[in-house]
Structure formats: C-alpha cells, structure tokens
C-alpha cells in the first residue's frame, strides 16, 4: 500500500488538493484517489473527482488498464446549469 497526497495552486485559477492510495499485488496495481478543486474566481464553481484504476503489467514495456472517473460539484460545473455530475470510463494499453 502506497499513500500519497497532492496540492497545486495557480494564481487566479484555484487550488487542487487530495489524497491517493495505490495497492500493488504482483503485476497488478489498484488505485483510488479523491481530488478537490477550489476555484479562485467567484463565477467558477468548486469541483471534486473520484478516480478508480486497475492496471495489469503484461511486461516491462506494456500494460493494460481500466479507469473510471466520477466528478461533481455545484450546479453548472460542467457548463450545463442543471447538471452537476459527470462520469468517464477509459480502457487502454
């Protein structure tokens, strides 16, 4: 188990911070993170994102993965006034 944390700041944009945990099991890696964005301008709402990843190493130079993101926040976060959540799934190699 490998815990980590993140903090980023950009003037007139906002702050991003959150924890992450990665669990290694042989050639497999499982990760879970929670990211929060606190915007500086008052017209940009705050956002949060949960990310889940499963990754399998086929070799030193090749891996396959599946990821999922669930983001949310105040209404209007994703440029739709009544929608405050979005989800994304990704599969790759």
PDB file of N, CA and C in Angstrom:
ATOM      1  N   UNK A   1       0.853  -1.179   0.000  1.00  0.00           N
ATOM      2  CA  UNK A   1       0.000   0.000   0.000  1.00  0.00           C
ATOM      3  C   UNK A   1       0.885   1.223   0.000  1.00  0.00           C
ATOM      4  N   UNK A   2       0.577   2.159  -0.899  1.00  0.00           N
ATOM      5  CA  UNK A   2       1.382   3.371  -1.021  1.00  0.00           C
ATOM      6  C   UNK A   2       0.446   4.585  -0.970  1.00  0.00           C
ATOM      7  N   UNK A   3       0.412   5.325   0.138  1.00  0.00           N
ATOM      8  CA  UNK A   3      -0.420   6.537   0.204  1.00  0.00           C
ATOM      9  C   UNK A   3       0.330   7.730  -0.379  1.00  0.00           C
ATOM     10  N   UNK A   4      -0.420   8.688  -0.904  1.00  0.00           N
ATOM     11  CA  UNK A   4       0.182   9.907  -1.463  1.00  0.00           C
ATOM     12  C   UNK A   4      -0.794  11.060  -1.285  1.00  0.00           C
ATOM     13  N   UNK A   5      -0.292  12.251  -1.433  1.00  0.00           N
ATOM     14  CA  UNK A   5      -1.113  13.454  -1.374  1.00  0.00           C
ATOM     15  C   UNK A   5      -0.658  14.425  -2.444  1.00  0.00           C
ATOM     16  N   UNK A   6      -1.548  15.345  -2.779  1.00  0.00           N
ATOM     17  CA  UNK A   6      -1.258  16.304  -3.840  1.00  0.00           C
ATOM     18  C   UNK A   6      -1.788  17.673  -3.437  1.00  0.00           C
ATOM     19  N   UNK A   7      -1.030  18.705  -3.774  1.00  0.00           N
ATOM     20  CA  UNK A   7      -1.507  20.077  -3.619  1.00  0.00           C
ATOM     21  C   UNK A   7      -0.906  20.918  -4.734  1.00  0.00           C
ATOM     22  N   UNK A   8      -1.755  21.614  -5.485  1.00  0.00           N
ATOM     23  CA  UNK A   8      -1.310  22.506  -6.555  1.00  0.00           C
ATOM     24  C   UNK A   8      -2.060  23.812  -6.402  1.00  0.00           C
ATOM     25  N   UNK A   9      -1.408  24.897  -6.726  1.00  0.00           N
ATOM     26  CA  UNK A   9      -2.082  26.187  -6.699  1.00  0.00           C
ATOM     27  C   UNK A   9      -1.669  27.003  -7.918  1.00  0.00           C
ATOM     28  N   UNK A  10      -2.637  27.739  -8.480  1.00  0.00           N
ATOM     29  CA  UNK A  10      -2.374  28.635  -9.605  1.00  0.00           C
ATOM     30  C   UNK A  10      -3.091  29.948  -9.335  1.00  0.00           C
ATOM     31  N   UNK A  11      -2.351  31.026  -9.440  1.00  0.00           N
ATOM     32  CA  UNK A  11      -2.905  32.345  -9.184  1.00  0.00           C
ATOM     33  C   UNK A  11      -4.084  32.616 -10.126  1.00  0.00           C
ATOM     34  N   UNK A  12      -5.167  33.135  -9.613  1.00  0.00           N
ATOM     35  CA  UNK A  12      -6.390  33.494 -10.341  1.00  0.00           C
ATOM     36  C   UNK A  12      -7.087  32.299 -10.994  1.00  0.00           C
ATOM     37  N   UNK A  13      -6.708  31.072 -10.620  1.00  0.00           N
ATOM     38  CA  UNK A  13      -7.375  29.879 -11.140  1.00  0.00           C
ATOM     39  C   UNK A  13      -7.975  29.081  -9.997  1.00  0.00           C
ATOM     40  N   UNK A  14      -7.135  28.629  -9.085  1.00  0.00           N
ATOM     41  CA  UNK A  14      -7.641  27.877  -7.947  1.00  0.00           C
ATOM     42  C   UNK A  14      -6.618  26.925  -7.373  1.00  0.00           C
ATOM     43  N   UNK A  15      -7.058  26.160  -6.379  1.00  0.00           N
ATOM     44  CA  UNK A  15      -6.227  25.183  -5.707  1.00  0.00           C
ATOM     45  C   UNK A  15      -6.790  23.785  -5.955  1.00  0.00           C
ATOM     46  N   UNK A  16      -5.888  22.819  -6.166  1.00  0.00           N
ATOM     47  CA  UNK A  16      -6.271  21.421  -6.331  1.00  0.00           C
ATOM     48  C   UNK A  16      -5.546  20.640  -5.242  1.00  0.00           C
ATOM     49  N   UNK A  17      -6.289  19.802  -4.518  1.00  0.00           N
ATOM     50  CA  UNK A  17      -5.670  19.003  -3.478  1.00  0.00           C
ATOM     51  C   UNK A  17      -6.459  17.717  -3.276  1.00  0.00           C
ATOM     52  N   UNK A  18      -5.783  16.688  -2.725  1.00  0.00           N
ATOM     53  CA  UNK A  18      -6.465  15.443  -2.456  1.00  0.00           C
ATOM     54  C   UNK A  18      -5.532  14.295  -2.144  1.00  0.00           C
ATOM     55  N   UNK A  19      -6.077  13.229  -1.554  1.00  0.00           N
ATOM     56  CA  UNK A  19      -5.301  12.026  -1.240  1.00  0.00           C
ATOM     57  C   UNK A  19      -5.416  10.973  -2.340  1.00  0.00           C
ATOM     58  N   UNK A  20      -4.436  10.059  -2.370  1.00  0.00           N
ATOM     59  CA  UNK A  20      -4.451   8.935  -3.295  1.00  0.00           C
ATOM     60  C   UNK A  20      -3.842   7.735  -2.592  1.00  0.00           C
ATOM     61  N   UNK A  21      -4.375   6.566  -2.889  1.00  0.00           N
ATOM     62  CA  UNK A  21      -3.815   5.328  -2.379  1.00  0.00           C
ATOM     63  C   UNK A  21      -3.609   4.357  -3.525  1.00  0.00           C
ATOM     64  N   UNK A  22      -2.470   3.677  -3.533  1.00  0.00           N
ATOM     65  CA  UNK A  22      -2.151   2.696  -4.572  1.00  0.00           C
ATOM     66  C   UNK A  22      -1.791   1.393  -3.866  1.00  0.00           C
ATOM     67  N   UNK A  23      -2.413   0.302  -4.294  1.00  0.00           N
ATOM     68  CA  UNK A  23      -2.147  -1.019  -3.740  1.00  0.00           C
ATOM     69  C   UNK A  23      -1.548  -1.889  -4.837  1.00  0.00           C
ATOM     70  N   UNK A  24      -0.359  -2.438  -4.571  1.00  0.00           N
ATOM     71  CA  UNK A  24       0.323  -3.301  -5.528  1.00  0.00           C
ATOM     72  C   UNK A  24       0.141  -4.756  -5.117  1.00  0.00           C
ATOM     73  N   UNK A  25      -0.229  -5.593  -6.083  1.00  0.00           N
ATOM     74  CA  UNK A  25      -0.436  -7.010  -5.841  1.00  0.00           C
ATOM     75  C   UNK A  25       0.157  -7.768  -7.019  1.00  0.00           C
ATOM     76  N   UNK A  26       1.425  -8.145  -6.903  1.00  0.00           N
ATOM     77  CA  UNK A  26       2.116  -8.809  -8.005  1.00  0.00           C
ATOM     78  C   UNK A  26       2.241  -7.873  -9.198  1.00  0.00           C
ATOM     79  N   UNK A  27       1.711  -8.297 -10.346  1.00  0.00           N
ATOM     80  CA  UNK A  27       1.779  -7.485 -11.570  1.00  0.00           C
ATOM     81  C   UNK A  27       0.564  -6.562 -11.704  1.00  0.00           C
ATOM     82  N   UNK A  28      -0.268  -6.508 -10.662  1.00  0.00           N
ATOM     83  CA  UNK A  28      -1.472  -5.680 -10.690  1.00  0.00           C
ATOM     84  C   UNK A  28      -1.314  -4.473  -9.782  1.00  0.00           C
ATOM     85  N   UNK A  29      -1.960  -3.398 -10.182  1.00  0.00           N
ATOM     86  CA  UNK A  29      -1.951  -2.164  -9.401  1.00  0.00           C
ATOM     87  C   UNK A  29      -3.379  -1.644  -9.325  1.00  0.00           C
ATOM     88  N   UNK A  30      -3.821  -1.292  -8.124  1.00  0.00           N
ATOM     89  CA  UNK A  30      -5.154  -0.744  -7.920  1.00  0.00           C
ATOM     90  C   UNK A  30      -4.996   0.621  -7.258  1.00  0.00           C
ATOM     91  N   UNK A  31      -5.670   1.630  -7.800  1.00  0.00           N
ATOM     92  CA  UNK A  31      -5.523   2.985  -7.279  1.00  0.00           C
ATOM     93  C   UNK A  31      -6.886   3.621  -7.051  1.00  0.00           C
ATOM     94  N   UNK A  32      -6.962   4.452  -6.014  1.00  0.00           N
ATOM     95  CA  UNK A  32      -8.164   5.206  -5.688  1.00  0.00           C
ATOM     96  C   UNK A  32      -7.720   6.595  -5.262  1.00  0.00           C
ATOM     97  N   UNK A  33      -8.341   7.624  -5.837  1.00  0.00           N
ATOM     98  CA  UNK A  33      -7.984   8.988  -5.448  1.00  0.00           C
ATOM     99  C   UNK A  33      -9.232   9.857  -5.360  1.00  0.00           C
ATOM    100  N   UNK A  34      -9.115  10.926  -4.583  1.00  0.00           N
ATOM    101  CA  UNK A  34     -10.174  11.917  -4.429  1.00  0.00           C
ATOM    102  C   UNK A  34      -9.526  13.284  -4.600  1.00  0.00           C
ATOM    103  N   UNK A  35      -9.977  14.053  -5.573  1.00  0.00           N
ATOM    104  CA  UNK A  35      -9.380  15.348  -5.890  1.00  0.00           C
ATOM    105  C   UNK A  35     -10.414  16.454  -5.734  1.00  0.00           C
ATOM    106  N   UNK A  36     -10.032  17.536  -5.072  1.00  0.00           N
ATOM    107  CA  UNK A  36     -10.912  18.683  -4.877  1.00  0.00           C
ATOM    108  C   UNK A  36     -10.301  19.913  -5.539  1.00  0.00           C
ATOM    109  N   UNK A  37     -11.126  20.667  -6.258  1.00  0.00           N
ATOM    110  CA  UNK A  37     -10.699  21.916  -6.882  1.00  0.00           C
ATOM    111  C   UNK A  37     -11.476  23.049  -6.241  1.00  0.00           C
ATOM    112  N   UNK A  38     -10.766  23.965  -5.649  1.00  0.00           N
ATOM    113  CA  UNK A  38     -11.358  25.155  -5.058  1.00  0.00           C
ATOM    114  C   UNK A  38     -10.978  26.331  -5.949  1.00  0.00           C
ATOM    115  N   UNK A  39     -11.949  26.874  -6.687  1.00  0.00           N
ATOM    116  CA  UNK A  39     -11.679  27.929  -7.675  1.00  0.00           C
ATOM    117  C   UNK A  39     -11.540  29.291  -7.018  1.00  0.00           C
ATOM    118  N   UNK A  40     -10.601  30.102  -7.537  1.00  0.00           N
ATOM    119  CA  UNK A  40     -10.422  31.468  -7.054  1.00  0.00           C
ATOM    120  C   UNK A  40     -11.518  32.408  -7.554  1.00  0.00           C
ATOM    121  N   UNK A  41     -11.803  32.439  -8.861  1.00  0.00           N
ATOM    122  CA  UNK A  41     -12.863  33.341  -9.317  1.00  0.00           C
ATOM    123  C   UNK A  41     -14.215  32.892  -8.774  1.00  0.00           C
ATOM    124  N   UNK A  42     -15.039  33.839  -8.401  1.00  0.00           N
ATOM    125  CA  UNK A  42     -16.338  33.502  -7.803  1.00  0.00           C
ATOM    126  C   UNK A  42     -17.315  32.918  -8.811  1.00  0.00           C
ATOM    127  N   UNK A  43     -17.107  33.142 -10.108  1.00  0.00           N
ATOM    128  CA  UNK A  43     -18.035  32.609 -11.104  1.00  0.00           C
ATOM    129  C   UNK A  43     -17.729  31.164 -11.497  1.00  0.00           C
ATOM    130  N   UNK A  44     -16.638  30.577 -11.025  1.00  0.00           N
ATOM    131  CA  UNK A  44     -16.313  29.181 -11.300  1.00  0.00           C
ATOM    132  C   UNK A  44     -16.628  28.349 -10.064  1.00  0.00           C
ATOM    133  N   UNK A  45     -17.543  27.388 -10.171  1.00  0.00           N
ATOM    134  CA  UNK A  45     -17.889  26.573  -9.008  1.00  0.00           C
ATOM    135  C   UNK A  45     -16.788  25.575  -8.650  1.00  0.00           C
ATOM    136  N   UNK A  46     -16.801  25.136  -7.392  1.00  0.00           N
ATOM    137  CA  UNK A  46     -15.855  24.128  -6.938  1.00  0.00           C
ATOM    138  C   UNK A  46     -16.208  22.773  -7.546  1.00  0.00           C
ATOM    139  N   UNK A  47     -15.192  21.927  -7.715  1.00  0.00           N
ATOM    140  CA  UNK A  47     -15.377  20.600  -8.317  1.00  0.00           C
ATOM    141  C   UNK A  47     -14.689  19.551  -7.450  1.00  0.00           C
ATOM    142  N   UNK A  48     -15.170  18.306  -7.548  1.00  0.00           N
ATOM    143  CA  UNK A  48     -14.474  17.191  -6.922  1.00  0.00           C
ATOM    144  C   UNK A  48     -14.550  15.993  -7.855  1.00  0.00           C
ATOM    145  N   UNK A  49     -13.534  15.127  -7.787  1.00  0.00           N
ATOM    146  CA  UNK A  49     -13.453  13.981  -8.687  1.00  0.00           C
ATOM    147  C   UNK A  49     -12.946  12.762  -7.922  1.00  0.00           C
ATOM    148  N   UNK A  50     -13.621  11.636  -8.110  1.00  0.00           N
ATOM    149  CA  UNK A  50     -13.168  10.352  -7.584  1.00  0.00           C
ATOM    150  C   UNK A  50     -12.658   9.551  -8.779  1.00  0.00           C
ATOM    151  N   UNK A  51     -11.461   8.974  -8.654  1.00  0.00           N
ATOM    152  CA  UNK A  51     -10.856   8.191  -9.721  1.00  0.00           C
ATOM    153  C   UNK A  51     -10.506   6.801  -9.192  1.00  0.00           C
ATOM    154  N   UNK A  52     -10.860   5.790  -9.966  1.00  0.00           N
ATOM    155  CA  UNK A  52     -10.545   4.397  -9.644  1.00  0.00           C
ATOM    156  C   UNK A  52      -9.802   3.809 -10.842  1.00  0.00           C
ATOM    157  N   UNK A  53      -8.720   3.073 -10.581  1.00  0.00           N
ATOM    158  CA  UNK A  53      -7.935   2.477 -11.668  1.00  0.00           C
ATOM    159  C   UNK A  53      -7.499   1.061 -11.301  1.00  0.00           C
ATOM    160  N   UNK A  54      -7.559   0.171 -12.291  1.00  0.00           N
ATOM    161  CA  UNK A  54      -6.974  -1.167 -12.183  1.00  0.00           C
ATOM    162  C   UNK A  54      -6.016  -1.314 -13.368  1.00  0.00           C
ATOM    163  N   UNK A  55      -4.782  -1.704 -13.079  1.00  0.00           N
ATOM    164  CA  UNK A  55      -3.746  -1.790 -14.104  1.00  0.00           C
ATOM    165  C   UNK A  55      -3.040  -3.134 -13.973  1.00  0.00           C
ATOM    166  N   UNK A  56      -2.742  -3.758 -15.107  1.00  0.00           N
ATOM    167  CA  UNK A  56      -2.014  -5.035 -15.124  1.00  0.00           C
ATOM    168  C   UNK A  56      -0.797  -4.913 -16.037  1.00  0.00           C
ATOM    169  N   UNK A  57       0.371  -5.202 -15.506  1.00  0.00           N
ATOM    170  CA  UNK A  57       1.609  -5.163 -16.287  1.00  0.00           C
ATOM    171  C   UNK A  57       1.776  -6.470 -17.052  1.00  0.00           C
ATOM    172  N   UNK A  58       1.757  -6.372 -18.368  1.00  0.00           N
ATOM    173  CA  UNK A  58       1.998  -7.541 -19.213  1.00  0.00           C
ATOM    174  C   UNK A  58       3.484  -7.825 -19.344  1.00  0.00           C
ATOM    175  N   UNK A  59       4.300  -6.754 -19.376  1.00  0.00           N
ATOM    176  CA  UNK A  59       5.757  -6.854 -19.457  1.00  0.00           C
ATOM    177  C   UNK A  59       6.338  -5.541 -18.938  1.00  0.00           C
ATOM    178  N   UNK A  60       7.654  -5.381 -19.025  1.00  0.00           N
ATOM    179  CA  UNK A  60       8.284  -4.135 -18.577  1.00  0.00           C
ATOM    180  C   UNK A  60       7.841  -2.931 -19.402  1.00  0.00           C
ATOM    181  N   UNK A  61       7.447  -3.158 -20.651  1.00  0.00           N
ATOM    182  CA  UNK A  61       7.097  -2.059 -21.549  1.00  0.00           C
ATOM    183  C   UNK A  61       5.630  -2.040 -21.969  1.00  0.00           C
ATOM    184  N   UNK A  62       4.795  -2.880 -21.373  1.00  0.00           N
ATOM    185  CA  UNK A  62       3.403  -2.960 -21.819  1.00  0.00           C
ATOM    186  C   UNK A  62       2.477  -3.233 -20.635  1.00  0.00           C
ATOM    187  N   UNK A  63       1.401  -2.454 -20.548  1.00  0.00           N
ATOM    188  CA  UNK A  63       0.390  -2.687 -19.524  1.00  0.00           C
ATOM    189  C   UNK A  63      -0.986  -2.395 -20.093  1.00  0.00           C
ATOM    190  N   UNK A  64      -2.006  -2.945 -19.460  1.00  0.00           N
ATOM    191  CA  UNK A  64      -3.398  -2.673 -19.811  1.00  0.00           C
ATOM    192  C   UNK A  64      -4.075  -2.112 -18.564  1.00  0.00           C
ATOM    193  N   UNK A  65      -5.082  -1.273 -18.759  1.00  0.00           N
ATOM    194  CA  UNK A  65      -5.731  -0.649 -17.614  1.00  0.00           C
ATOM    195  C   UNK A  65      -7.191  -0.341 -17.917  1.00  0.00           C
ATOM    196  N   UNK A  66      -7.935  -0.149 -16.862  1.00  0.00           N
ATOM    197  CA  UNK A  66      -9.296   0.355 -16.929  1.00  0.00           C
ATOM    198  C   UNK A  66      -9.404   1.413 -15.823  1.00  0.00           C
ATOM    199  N   UNK A  67     -10.001   2.556 -16.176  1.00  0.00           N
ATOM    200  CA  UNK A  67     -10.144   3.660 -15.233  1.00  0.00           C
ATOM    201  C   UNK A  67     -11.575   4.160 -15.252  1.00  0.00           C
ATOM    202  N   UNK A  68     -11.988   4.706 -14.140  1.00  0.00           N
ATOM    203  CA  UNK A  68     -13.287   5.338 -14.059  1.00  0.00           C
ATOM    204  C   UNK A  68     -13.191   6.626 -13.269  1.00  0.00           C
ATOM    205  N   UNK A  69     -13.889   7.654 -13.727  1.00  0.00           N
ATOM    206  CA  UNK A  69     -13.906   8.956 -13.077  1.00  0.00           C
ATOM    207  C   UNK A  69     -15.355   9.332 -12.783  1.00  0.00           C
ATOM    208  N   UNK A  70     -15.599   9.871 -11.598  1.00  0.00           N
ATOM    209  CA  UNK A  70     -16.897  10.418 -11.258  1.00  0.00           C
ATOM    210  C   UNK A  70     -16.649  11.800 -10.683  1.00  0.00           C
ATOM    211  N   UNK A  71     -17.096  12.822 -11.405  1.00  0.00           N
ATOM    212  CA  UNK A  71     -16.873  14.194 -10.981  1.00  0.00           C
ATOM    213  C   UNK A  71     -18.176  14.874 -10.641  1.00  0.00           C
ATOM    214  N   UNK A  72     -18.122  15.800  -9.718  1.00  0.00           N
ATOM    215  CA  UNK A  72     -19.319  16.527  -9.335  1.00  0.00           C
ATOM    216  C   UNK A  72     -18.950  17.838  -8.668  1.00  0.00           C
ATOM    217  N   UNK A  73     -19.969  18.571  -8.286  1.00  0.00           N
ATOM    218  CA  UNK A  73     -19.769  19.852  -7.619  1.00  0.00           C
ATOM    219  C   UNK A  73     -21.045  20.642  -7.664  1.00  0.00           C
ATOM    220  N   UNK A  74     -20.922  21.953  -7.606  1.00  0.00           N
ATOM    221  CA  UNK A  74     -22.085  22.835  -7.647  1.00  0.00           C
ATOM    222  C   UNK A  74     -22.750  22.761  -9.014  1.00  0.00           C
ATOM    223  N   UNK A  75     -24.040  23.092  -9.100  1.00  0.00           N
ATOM    224  CA  UNK A  75     -24.737  23.113 -10.396  1.00  0.00           C
ATOM    225  C   UNK A  75     -23.988  24.015 -11.370  1.00  0.00           C
ATOM    226  N   UNK A  76     -23.905  23.571 -12.595  1.00  0.00           N
ATOM    227  CA  UNK A  76     -23.230  24.343 -13.633  1.00  0.00           C
ATOM    228  C   UNK A  76     -21.761  24.029 -13.780  1.00  0.00           C
ATOM    229  N   UNK A  77     -21.261  23.046 -13.024  1.00  0.00           N
ATOM    230  CA  UNK A  77     -19.835  22.720 -13.060  1.00  0.00           C
ATOM    231  C   UNK A  77     -19.366  22.363 -14.454  1.00  0.00           C
ATOM    232  N   UNK A  78     -20.169  21.589 -15.175  1.00  0.00           N
ATOM    233  CA  UNK A  78     -19.741  21.117 -16.489  1.00  0.00           C
ATOM    234  C   UNK A  78     -20.499  21.833 -17.595  1.00  0.00           C
ATOM    235  N   UNK A  79     -20.731  23.128 -17.416  1.00  0.00           N
ATOM    236  CA  UNK A  79     -21.348  24.013 -18.410  1.00  0.00           C
ATOM    237  C   UNK A  79     -22.792  23.641 -18.739  1.00  0.00           C
ATOM    238  N   UNK A  80     -23.454  22.912 -17.882  1.00  0.00           N
ATOM    239  CA  UNK A  80     -24.880  22.630 -18.011  1.00  0.00           C
ATOM    240  C   UNK A  80     -25.495  23.040 -16.684  1.00  0.00           C
ATOM    241  N   UNK A  81     -26.408  23.988 -16.701  1.00  0.00           N
ATOM    242  CA  UNK A  81     -26.872  24.607 -15.463  1.00  0.00           C
ATOM    243  C   UNK A  81     -27.556  23.651 -14.506  1.00  0.00           C
ATOM    244  N   UNK A  82     -28.153  22.575 -14.988  1.00  0.00           N
ATOM    245  CA  UNK A  82     -28.833  21.654 -14.082  1.00  0.00           C
ATOM    246  C   UNK A  82     -28.052  20.366 -13.852  1.00  0.00           C
ATOM    247  N   UNK A  83     -26.886  20.259 -14.401  1.00  0.00           N
ATOM    248  CA  UNK A  83     -26.098  19.020 -14.303  1.00  0.00           C
ATOM    249  C   UNK A  83     -24.855  19.273 -13.475  1.00  0.00           C
ATOM    250  N   UNK A  84     -24.679  18.524 -12.388  1.00  0.00           N
ATOM    251  CA  UNK A  84     -23.517  18.741 -11.548  1.00  0.00           C
ATOM    252  C   UNK A  84     -22.622  17.520 -11.450  1.00  0.00           C
ATOM    253  N   UNK A  85     -22.876  16.476 -12.229  1.00  0.00           N
ATOM    254  CA  UNK A  85     -22.027  15.296 -12.215  1.00  0.00           C
ATOM    255  C   UNK A  85     -21.666  14.861 -13.622  1.00  0.00           C
ATOM    256  N   UNK A  86     -20.532  14.186 -13.733  1.00  0.00           N
ATOM    257  CA  UNK A  86     -20.150  13.558 -15.000  1.00  0.00           C
ATOM    258  C   UNK A  86     -19.356  12.314 -14.662  1.00  0.00           C
ATOM    259  N   UNK A  87     -19.405  11.362 -15.558  1.00  0.00           N
ATOM    260  CA  UNK A  87     -18.628  10.147 -15.369  1.00  0.00           C
ATOM    261  C   UNK A  87     -17.940   9.801 -16.675  1.00  0.00           C
ATOM    262  N   UNK A  88     -16.755   9.218 -16.558  1.00  0.00           N
ATOM    263  CA  UNK A  88     -15.951   8.845 -17.707  1.00  0.00           C
ATOM    264  C   UNK A  88     -15.343   7.476 -17.426  1.00  0.00           C
ATOM    265  N   UNK A  89     -15.336   6.620 -18.437  1.00  0.00           N
ATOM    266  CA  UNK A  89     -14.655   5.329 -18.325  1.00  0.00           C
ATOM    267  C   UNK A  89     -13.611   5.248 -19.428  1.00  0.00           C
ATOM    268  N   UNK A  90     -12.463   4.665 -19.118  1.00  0.00           N
ATOM    269  CA  UNK A  90     -11.387   4.540 -20.092  1.00  0.00           C
ATOM    270  C   UNK A  90     -10.767   3.150 -19.988  1.00  0.00           C
ATOM    271  N   UNK A  91     -10.443   2.577 -21.132  1.00  0.00           N
ATOM    272  CA  UNK A  91      -9.741   1.305 -21.225  1.00  0.00           C
ATOM    273  C   UNK A  91      -8.579   1.528 -22.179  1.00  0.00           C
ATOM    274  N   UNK A  92      -7.412   1.042 -21.832  1.00  0.00           N
ATOM    275  CA  UNK A  92      -6.285   1.293 -22.721  1.00  0.00           C
ATOM    276  C   UNK A  92      -5.138   0.326 -22.514  1.00  0.00           C
ATOM    277  N   UNK A  93      -4.148   0.485 -23.356  1.00  0.00           N
ATOM    278  CA  UNK A  93      -2.927  -0.324 -23.284  1.00  0.00           C
ATOM    279  C   UNK A  93      -1.741   0.532 -23.656  1.00  0.00           C
TER     280      UNK A  93
END
